[in-house]
């Protein structure tokens, strides 16, 4: 599963895990990706989006139609 938000484009970040003895090993910071189903009234159907939690709050604020417009403007298929 791709760990990428369809609305914000948020991807995993990479860094180091530092132990008590200060040894460093590679790790990744995954965004909190959730799959959500929304009613897309403009096309009369449901759509499934993979979104980070910040994007879910954005859709609550701006609406599904505006969010899908932003996703399609970036060239992604919905």
PDB file of N, CA and C in Angstrom:
ATOM      1  N   UNK A   1       0.839  -1.184   0.000  1.00  0.00           N
ATOM      2  CA  UNK A   1       0.000   0.000   0.000  1.00  0.00           C
ATOM      3  C   UNK A   1       0.879   1.240   0.000  1.00  0.00           C
ATOM      4  N   UNK A   2       0.598   2.128  -0.894  1.00  0.00           N
ATOM      5  CA  UNK A   2       1.378   3.355  -0.983  1.00  0.00           C
ATOM      6  C   UNK A   2       1.090   4.249   0.225  1.00  0.00           C
ATOM      7  N   UNK A   3       2.131   4.654   0.900  1.00  0.00           N
ATOM      8  CA  UNK A   3       1.969   5.512   2.081  1.00  0.00           C
ATOM      9  C   UNK A   3       2.050   6.971   1.628  1.00  0.00           C
ATOM     10  N   UNK A   4       1.079   7.374   0.812  1.00  0.00           N
ATOM     11  CA  UNK A   4       1.066   8.729   0.276  1.00  0.00           C
ATOM     12  C   UNK A   4      -0.356   9.249   0.310  1.00  0.00           C
ATOM     13  N   UNK A   5      -0.509  10.482   0.785  1.00  0.00           N
ATOM     14  CA  UNK A   5      -1.830  11.094   0.860  1.00  0.00           C
ATOM     15  C   UNK A   5      -2.212  11.643  -0.515  1.00  0.00           C
ATOM     16  N   UNK A   6      -3.436  11.343  -0.955  1.00  0.00           N
ATOM     17  CA  UNK A   6      -3.876  11.807  -2.265  1.00  0.00           C
ATOM     18  C   UNK A   6      -4.138  13.304  -2.304  1.00  0.00           C
ATOM     19  N   UNK A   7      -4.488  13.912  -1.181  1.00  0.00           N
ATOM     20  CA  UNK A   7      -4.814  15.335  -1.174  1.00  0.00           C
ATOM     21  C   UNK A   7      -3.593  16.202  -0.901  1.00  0.00           C
ATOM     22  N   UNK A   8      -2.866  15.909   0.152  1.00  0.00           N
ATOM     23  CA  UNK A   8      -1.730  16.761   0.535  1.00  0.00           C
ATOM     24  C   UNK A   8      -0.407  16.299  -0.059  1.00  0.00           C
ATOM     25  N   UNK A   9      -0.334  15.027  -0.502  1.00  0.00           N
ATOM     26  CA  UNK A   9       0.912  14.508  -1.041  1.00  0.00           C
ATOM     27  C   UNK A   9       1.930  14.125   0.023  1.00  0.00           C
ATOM     28  N   UNK A  10       1.499  14.058   1.263  1.00  0.00           N
ATOM     29  CA  UNK A  10       2.409  13.722   2.359  1.00  0.00           C
ATOM     30  C   UNK A  10       2.939  12.308   2.192  1.00  0.00           C
ATOM     31  N   UNK A  11       4.272  12.139   2.330  1.00  0.00           N
ATOM     32  CA  UNK A  11       4.952  10.866   2.158  1.00  0.00           C
ATOM     33  C   UNK A  11       5.762  10.540   3.405  1.00  0.00           C
ATOM     34  N   UNK A  12       6.297   9.315   3.485  1.00  0.00           N
ATOM     35  CA  UNK A  12       7.122   8.985   4.651  1.00  0.00           C
ATOM     36  C   UNK A  12       8.365   9.860   4.730  1.00  0.00           C
ATOM     37  N   UNK A  13       8.758  10.168   5.972  1.00  0.00           N
ATOM     38  CA  UNK A  13      10.020  10.847   6.211  1.00  0.00           C
ATOM     39  C   UNK A  13      11.012   9.829   6.739  1.00  0.00           C
ATOM     40  N   UNK A  14      12.281  10.092   6.553  1.00  0.00           N
ATOM     41  CA  UNK A  14      13.307   9.148   6.975  1.00  0.00           C
ATOM     42  C   UNK A  14      14.223   9.811   7.979  1.00  0.00           C
ATOM     43  N   UNK A  15      14.735   8.999   8.903  1.00  0.00           N
ATOM     44  CA  UNK A  15      15.622   9.522   9.924  1.00  0.00           C
ATOM     45  C   UNK A  15      16.333   8.384  10.626  1.00  0.00           C
ATOM     46  N   UNK A  16      16.755   8.651  11.831  1.00  0.00           N
ATOM     47  CA  UNK A  16      17.494   7.672  12.613  1.00  0.00           C
ATOM     48  C   UNK A  16      16.789   7.417  13.933  1.00  0.00           C
ATOM     49  N   UNK A  17      16.782   6.143  14.355  1.00  0.00           N
ATOM     50  CA  UNK A  17      16.356   5.788  15.700  1.00  0.00           C
ATOM     51  C   UNK A  17      17.620   5.780  16.554  1.00  0.00           C
ATOM     52  N   UNK A  18      17.593   6.481  17.669  1.00  0.00           N
ATOM     53  CA  UNK A  18      18.776   6.596  18.520  1.00  0.00           C
ATOM     54  C   UNK A  18      18.514   5.829  19.811  1.00  0.00           C
ATOM     55  N   UNK A  19      19.330   4.809  20.069  1.00  0.00           N
ATOM     56  CA  UNK A  19      19.149   3.980  21.254  1.00  0.00           C
ATOM     57  C   UNK A  19      19.769   4.657  22.477  1.00  0.00           C
ATOM     58  N   UNK A  20      19.611   4.009  23.619  1.00  0.00           N
ATOM     59  CA  UNK A  20      20.184   4.542  24.860  1.00  0.00           C
ATOM     60  C   UNK A  20      21.701   4.638  24.769  1.00  0.00           C
ATOM     61  N   UNK A  21      22.323   3.679  24.077  1.00  0.00           N
ATOM     62  CA  UNK A  21      23.779   3.706  23.915  1.00  0.00           C
ATOM     63  C   UNK A  21      24.207   4.633  22.770  1.00  0.00           C
ATOM     64  N   UNK A  22      23.265   5.295  22.168  1.00  0.00           N
ATOM     65  CA  UNK A  22      23.453   6.280  21.104  1.00  0.00           C
ATOM     66  C   UNK A  22      23.824   5.661  19.760  1.00  0.00           C
ATOM     67  N   UNK A  23      23.554   4.371  19.602  1.00  0.00           N
ATOM     68  CA  UNK A  23      23.701   3.754  18.278  1.00  0.00           C
ATOM     69  C   UNK A  23      22.546   4.238  17.414  1.00  0.00           C
ATOM     70  N   UNK A  24      22.822   4.448  16.149  1.00  0.00           N
ATOM     71  CA  UNK A  24      21.797   4.968  15.244  1.00  0.00           C
ATOM     72  C   UNK A  24      21.453   3.951  14.178  1.00  0.00           C
ATOM     73  N   UNK A  25      20.173   3.700  13.994  1.00  0.00           N
ATOM     74  CA  UNK A  25      19.699   2.817  12.937  1.00  0.00           C
ATOM     75  C   UNK A  25      18.633   3.553  12.134  1.00  0.00           C
ATOM     76  N   UNK A  26      18.515   3.158  10.901  1.00  0.00           N
ATOM     77  CA  UNK A  26      17.556   3.830  10.011  1.00  0.00           C
ATOM     78  C   UNK A  26      16.125   3.499  10.411  1.00  0.00           C
ATOM     79  N   UNK A  27      15.249   4.454  10.257  1.00  0.00           N
ATOM     80  CA  UNK A  27      13.823   4.237  10.482  1.00  0.00           C
ATOM     81  C   UNK A  27      13.042   5.152   9.561  1.00  0.00           C
ATOM     82  N   UNK A  28      11.753   4.924   9.475  1.00  0.00           N
ATOM     83  CA  UNK A  28      10.922   5.813   8.666  1.00  0.00           C
ATOM     84  C   UNK A  28       9.713   6.259   9.467  1.00  0.00           C
ATOM     85  N   UNK A  29       9.306   7.474   9.225  1.00  0.00           N
ATOM     86  CA  UNK A  29       8.159   8.078   9.890  1.00  0.00           C
ATOM     87  C   UNK A  29       7.015   8.076   8.884  1.00  0.00           C
ATOM     88  N   UNK A  30       6.100   7.119   9.023  1.00  0.00           N
ATOM     89  CA  UNK A  30       4.983   7.012   8.084  1.00  0.00           C
ATOM     90  C   UNK A  30       3.873   7.985   8.460  1.00  0.00           C
ATOM     91  N   UNK A  31       3.253   8.621   7.454  1.00  0.00           N
ATOM     92  CA  UNK A  31       2.075   9.438   7.752  1.00  0.00           C
ATOM     93  C   UNK A  31       0.909   8.532   8.148  1.00  0.00           C
ATOM     94  N   UNK A  32      -0.029   9.085   8.892  1.00  0.00           N
ATOM     95  CA  UNK A  32      -1.188   8.320   9.350  1.00  0.00           C
ATOM     96  C   UNK A  32      -2.215   8.276   8.220  1.00  0.00           C
ATOM     97  N   UNK A  33      -2.074   7.297   7.334  1.00  0.00           N
ATOM     98  CA  UNK A  33      -2.926   7.180   6.149  1.00  0.00           C
ATOM     99  C   UNK A  33      -4.173   6.365   6.488  1.00  0.00           C
ATOM    100  N   UNK A  34      -5.322   6.906   6.153  1.00  0.00           N
ATOM    101  CA  UNK A  34      -6.620   6.253   6.369  1.00  0.00           C
ATOM    102  C   UNK A  34      -7.345   6.171   5.021  1.00  0.00           C
ATOM    103  N   UNK A  35      -8.084   5.110   4.808  1.00  0.00           N
ATOM    104  CA  UNK A  35      -8.923   5.005   3.618  1.00  0.00           C
ATOM    105  C   UNK A  35     -10.328   5.461   3.993  1.00  0.00           C
ATOM    106  N   UNK A  36     -10.839   6.439   3.269  1.00  0.00           N
ATOM    107  CA  UNK A  36     -12.164   6.992   3.561  1.00  0.00           C
ATOM    108  C   UNK A  36     -13.023   6.945   2.309  1.00  0.00           C
ATOM    109  N   UNK A  37     -14.310   6.694   2.508  1.00  0.00           N
ATOM    110  CA  UNK A  37     -15.285   6.661   1.416  1.00  0.00           C
ATOM    111  C   UNK A  37     -16.193   7.874   1.568  1.00  0.00           C
ATOM    112  N   UNK A  38     -16.288   8.664   0.510  1.00  0.00           N
ATOM    113  CA  UNK A  38     -17.113   9.881   0.515  1.00  0.00           C
ATOM    114  C   UNK A  38     -18.138   9.809  -0.609  1.00  0.00           C
ATOM    115  N   UNK A  39     -19.280  10.418  -0.381  1.00  0.00           N
ATOM    116  CA  UNK A  39     -20.289  10.555  -1.426  1.00  0.00           C
ATOM    117  C   UNK A  39     -19.906  11.749  -2.276  1.00  0.00           C
ATOM    118  N   UNK A  40     -19.689  11.503  -3.575  1.00  0.00           N
ATOM    119  CA  UNK A  40     -19.307  12.554  -4.517  1.00  0.00           C
ATOM    120  C   UNK A  40     -20.542  12.918  -5.326  1.00  0.00           C
ATOM    121  N   UNK A  41     -21.251  13.939  -4.853  1.00  0.00           N
ATOM    122  CA  UNK A  41     -22.560  14.283  -5.413  1.00  0.00           C
ATOM    123  C   UNK A  41     -22.480  14.743  -6.861  1.00  0.00           C
ATOM    124  N   UNK A  42     -21.376  15.356  -7.273  1.00  0.00           N
ATOM    125  CA  UNK A  42     -21.253  15.865  -8.639  1.00  0.00           C
ATOM    126  C   UNK A  42     -21.349  14.743  -9.669  1.00  0.00           C
ATOM    127  N   UNK A  43     -20.876  13.548  -9.315  1.00  0.00           N
ATOM    128  CA  UNK A  43     -20.937  12.417 -10.237  1.00  0.00           C
ATOM    129  C   UNK A  43     -21.919  11.347  -9.782  1.00  0.00           C
ATOM    130  N   UNK A  44     -22.571  11.571  -8.639  1.00  0.00           N
ATOM    131  CA  UNK A  44     -23.567  10.644  -8.145  1.00  0.00           C
ATOM    132  C   UNK A  44     -23.016   9.281  -7.761  1.00  0.00           C
ATOM    133  N   UNK A  45     -21.849   9.248  -7.147  1.00  0.00           N
ATOM    134  CA  UNK A  45     -21.229   7.981  -6.774  1.00  0.00           C
ATOM    135  C   UNK A  45     -20.347   8.172  -5.543  1.00  0.00           C
ATOM    136  N   UNK A  46     -19.956   7.048  -4.937  1.00  0.00           N
ATOM    137  CA  UNK A  46     -19.010   7.087  -3.832  1.00  0.00           C
ATOM    138  C   UNK A  46     -17.590   7.032  -4.393  1.00  0.00           C
ATOM    139  N   UNK A  47     -16.652   7.671  -3.691  1.00  0.00           N
ATOM    140  CA  UNK A  47     -15.241   7.577  -4.056  1.00  0.00           C
ATOM    141  C   UNK A  47     -14.454   7.171  -2.817  1.00  0.00           C
ATOM    142  N   UNK A  48     -13.387   6.421  -3.034  1.00  0.00           N
ATOM    143  CA  UNK A  48     -12.488   6.025  -1.954  1.00  0.00           C
ATOM    144  C   UNK A  48     -11.197   6.817  -2.100  1.00  0.00           C
ATOM    145  N   UNK A  49     -10.785   7.442  -1.009  1.00  0.00           N
ATOM    146  CA  UNK A  49      -9.557   8.229  -1.008  1.00  0.00           C
ATOM    147  C   UNK A  49      -8.647   7.747   0.100  1.00  0.00           C
ATOM    148  N   UNK A  50      -7.335   7.718  -0.172  1.00  0.00           N
ATOM    149  CA  UNK A  50      -6.338   7.422   0.849  1.00  0.00           C
ATOM    150  C   UNK A  50      -5.804   8.760   1.346  1.00  0.00           C
ATOM    151  N   UNK A  51      -6.130   9.099   2.585  1.00  0.00           N
ATOM    152  CA  UNK A  51      -5.856  10.431   3.102  1.00  0.00           C
ATOM    153  C   UNK A  51      -5.120  10.360   4.431  1.00  0.00           C
ATOM    154  N   UNK A  52      -4.273  11.357   4.690  1.00  0.00           N
ATOM    155  CA  UNK A  52      -3.715  11.499   6.030  1.00  0.00           C
ATOM    156  C   UNK A  52      -4.766  12.208   6.890  1.00  0.00           C
ATOM    157  N   UNK A  53      -4.576  12.174   8.185  1.00  0.00           N
ATOM    158  CA  UNK A  53      -5.592  12.721   9.078  1.00  0.00           C
ATOM    159  C   UNK A  53      -5.755  14.228   8.902  1.00  0.00           C
ATOM    160  N   UNK A  54      -4.687  14.929   8.537  1.00  0.00           N
ATOM    161  CA  UNK A  54      -4.806  16.364   8.274  1.00  0.00           C
ATOM    162  C   UNK A  54      -5.691  16.616   7.051  1.00  0.00           C
ATOM    163  N   UNK A  55      -5.604  15.759   6.046  1.00  0.00           N
ATOM    164  CA  UNK A  55      -6.425  15.909   4.844  1.00  0.00           C
ATOM    165  C   UNK A  55      -7.893  15.606   5.124  1.00  0.00           C
ATOM    166  N   UNK A  56      -8.162  14.690   6.049  1.00  0.00           N
ATOM    167  CA  UNK A  56      -9.549  14.405   6.431  1.00  0.00           C
ATOM    168  C   UNK A  56     -10.173  15.655   7.040  1.00  0.00           C
ATOM    169  N   UNK A  57      -9.419  16.349   7.886  1.00  0.00           N
ATOM    170  CA  UNK A  57      -9.923  17.602   8.461  1.00  0.00           C
ATOM    171  C   UNK A  57     -10.090  18.676   7.387  1.00  0.00           C
ATOM    172  N   UNK A  58      -9.203  18.690   6.395  1.00  0.00           N
ATOM    173  CA  UNK A  58      -9.324  19.655   5.299  1.00  0.00           C
ATOM    174  C   UNK A  58     -10.602  19.409   4.508  1.00  0.00           C
ATOM    175  N   UNK A  59     -10.925  18.141   4.231  1.00  0.00           N
ATOM    176  CA  UNK A  59     -12.149  17.826   3.495  1.00  0.00           C
ATOM    177  C   UNK A  59     -13.374  18.217   4.308  1.00  0.00           C
ATOM    178  N   UNK A  60     -13.317  18.044   5.624  1.00  0.00           N
ATOM    179  CA  UNK A  60     -14.430  18.489   6.466  1.00  0.00           C
ATOM    180  C   UNK A  60     -14.634  19.996   6.340  1.00  0.00           C
ATOM    181  N   UNK A  61     -13.543  20.724   6.133  1.00  0.00           N
ATOM    182  CA  UNK A  61     -13.615  22.182   6.060  1.00  0.00           C
ATOM    183  C   UNK A  61     -14.022  22.678   4.669  1.00  0.00           C
ATOM    184  N   UNK A  62     -13.388  22.152   3.587  1.00  0.00           N
ATOM    185  CA  UNK A  62     -13.631  22.702   2.249  1.00  0.00           C
ATOM    186  C   UNK A  62     -14.656  21.919   1.433  1.00  0.00           C
ATOM    187  N   UNK A  63     -14.935  20.683   1.817  1.00  0.00           N
ATOM    188  CA  UNK A  63     -15.903  19.872   1.094  1.00  0.00           C
ATOM    189  C   UNK A  63     -15.249  18.918   0.110  1.00  0.00           C
ATOM    190  N   UNK A  64     -15.994  17.892  -0.263  1.00  0.00           N
ATOM    191  CA  UNK A  64     -15.466  16.843  -1.135  1.00  0.00           C
ATOM    192  C   UNK A  64     -15.237  17.362  -2.545  1.00  0.00           C
ATOM    193  N   UNK A  65     -16.158  18.196  -3.055  1.00  0.00           N
ATOM    194  CA  UNK A  65     -16.022  18.685  -4.431  1.00  0.00           C
ATOM    195  C   UNK A  65     -14.735  19.476  -4.630  1.00  0.00           C
ATOM    196  N   UNK A  66     -14.426  20.375  -3.697  1.00  0.00           N
ATOM    197  CA  UNK A  66     -13.206  21.175  -3.804  1.00  0.00           C
ATOM    198  C   UNK A  66     -11.969  20.300  -3.650  1.00  0.00           C
ATOM    199  N   UNK A  67     -12.038  19.308  -2.772  1.00  0.00           N
ATOM    200  CA  UNK A  67     -10.891  18.424  -2.559  1.00  0.00           C
ATOM    201  C   UNK A  67     -10.605  17.593  -3.808  1.00  0.00           C
ATOM    202  N   UNK A  68     -11.650  17.053  -4.430  1.00  0.00           N
ATOM    203  CA  UNK A  68     -11.461  16.273  -5.654  1.00  0.00           C
ATOM    204  C   UNK A  68     -10.925  17.167  -6.761  1.00  0.00           C
ATOM    205  N   UNK A  69     -11.358  18.425  -6.791  1.00  0.00           N
ATOM    206  CA  UNK A  69     -10.811  19.371  -7.765  1.00  0.00           C
ATOM    207  C   UNK A  69      -9.317  19.573  -7.584  1.00  0.00           C
ATOM    208  N   UNK A  70      -8.863  19.662  -6.340  1.00  0.00           N
ATOM    209  CA  UNK A  70      -7.427  19.813  -6.073  1.00  0.00           C
ATOM    210  C   UNK A  70      -6.653  18.568  -6.479  1.00  0.00           C
ATOM    211  N   UNK A  71      -7.225  17.398  -6.204  1.00  0.00           N
ATOM    212  CA  UNK A  71      -6.545  16.149  -6.547  1.00  0.00           C
ATOM    213  C   UNK A  71      -6.426  16.011  -8.059  1.00  0.00           C
ATOM    214  N   UNK A  72      -7.492  16.317  -8.777  1.00  0.00           N
ATOM    215  CA  UNK A  72      -7.480  16.204 -10.244  1.00  0.00           C
ATOM    216  C   UNK A  72      -6.593  17.272 -10.880  1.00  0.00           C
ATOM    217  N   UNK A  73      -6.473  18.436 -10.249  1.00  0.00           N
ATOM    218  CA  UNK A  73      -5.610  19.485 -10.782  1.00  0.00           C
ATOM    219  C   UNK A  73      -4.146  19.047 -10.772  1.00  0.00           C
ATOM    220  N   UNK A  74      -3.814  18.169  -9.825  1.00  0.00           N
ATOM    221  CA  UNK A  74      -2.450  17.654  -9.742  1.00  0.00           C
ATOM    222  C   UNK A  74      -2.227  16.498 -10.732  1.00  0.00           C
ATOM    223  N   UNK A  75      -3.283  16.060 -11.414  1.00  0.00           N
ATOM    224  CA  UNK A  75      -3.157  15.016 -12.410  1.00  0.00           C
ATOM    225  C   UNK A  75      -3.465  13.617 -11.913  1.00  0.00           C
ATOM    226  N   UNK A  76      -3.917  13.481 -10.667  1.00  0.00           N
ATOM    227  CA  UNK A  76      -4.254  12.154 -10.146  1.00  0.00           C
ATOM    228  C   UNK A  76      -5.658  11.769 -10.587  1.00  0.00           C
ATOM    229  N   UNK A  77      -5.850  10.473 -10.766  1.00  0.00           N
ATOM    230  CA  UNK A  77      -7.163   9.951 -11.153  1.00  0.00           C
ATOM    231  C   UNK A  77      -7.981   9.660  -9.907  1.00  0.00           C
ATOM    232  N   UNK A  78      -9.259  10.052  -9.920  1.00  0.00           N
ATOM    233  CA  UNK A  78     -10.155   9.763  -8.787  1.00  0.00           C
ATOM    234  C   UNK A  78     -11.310   8.928  -9.285  1.00  0.00           C
TER     235      UNK A  78
END
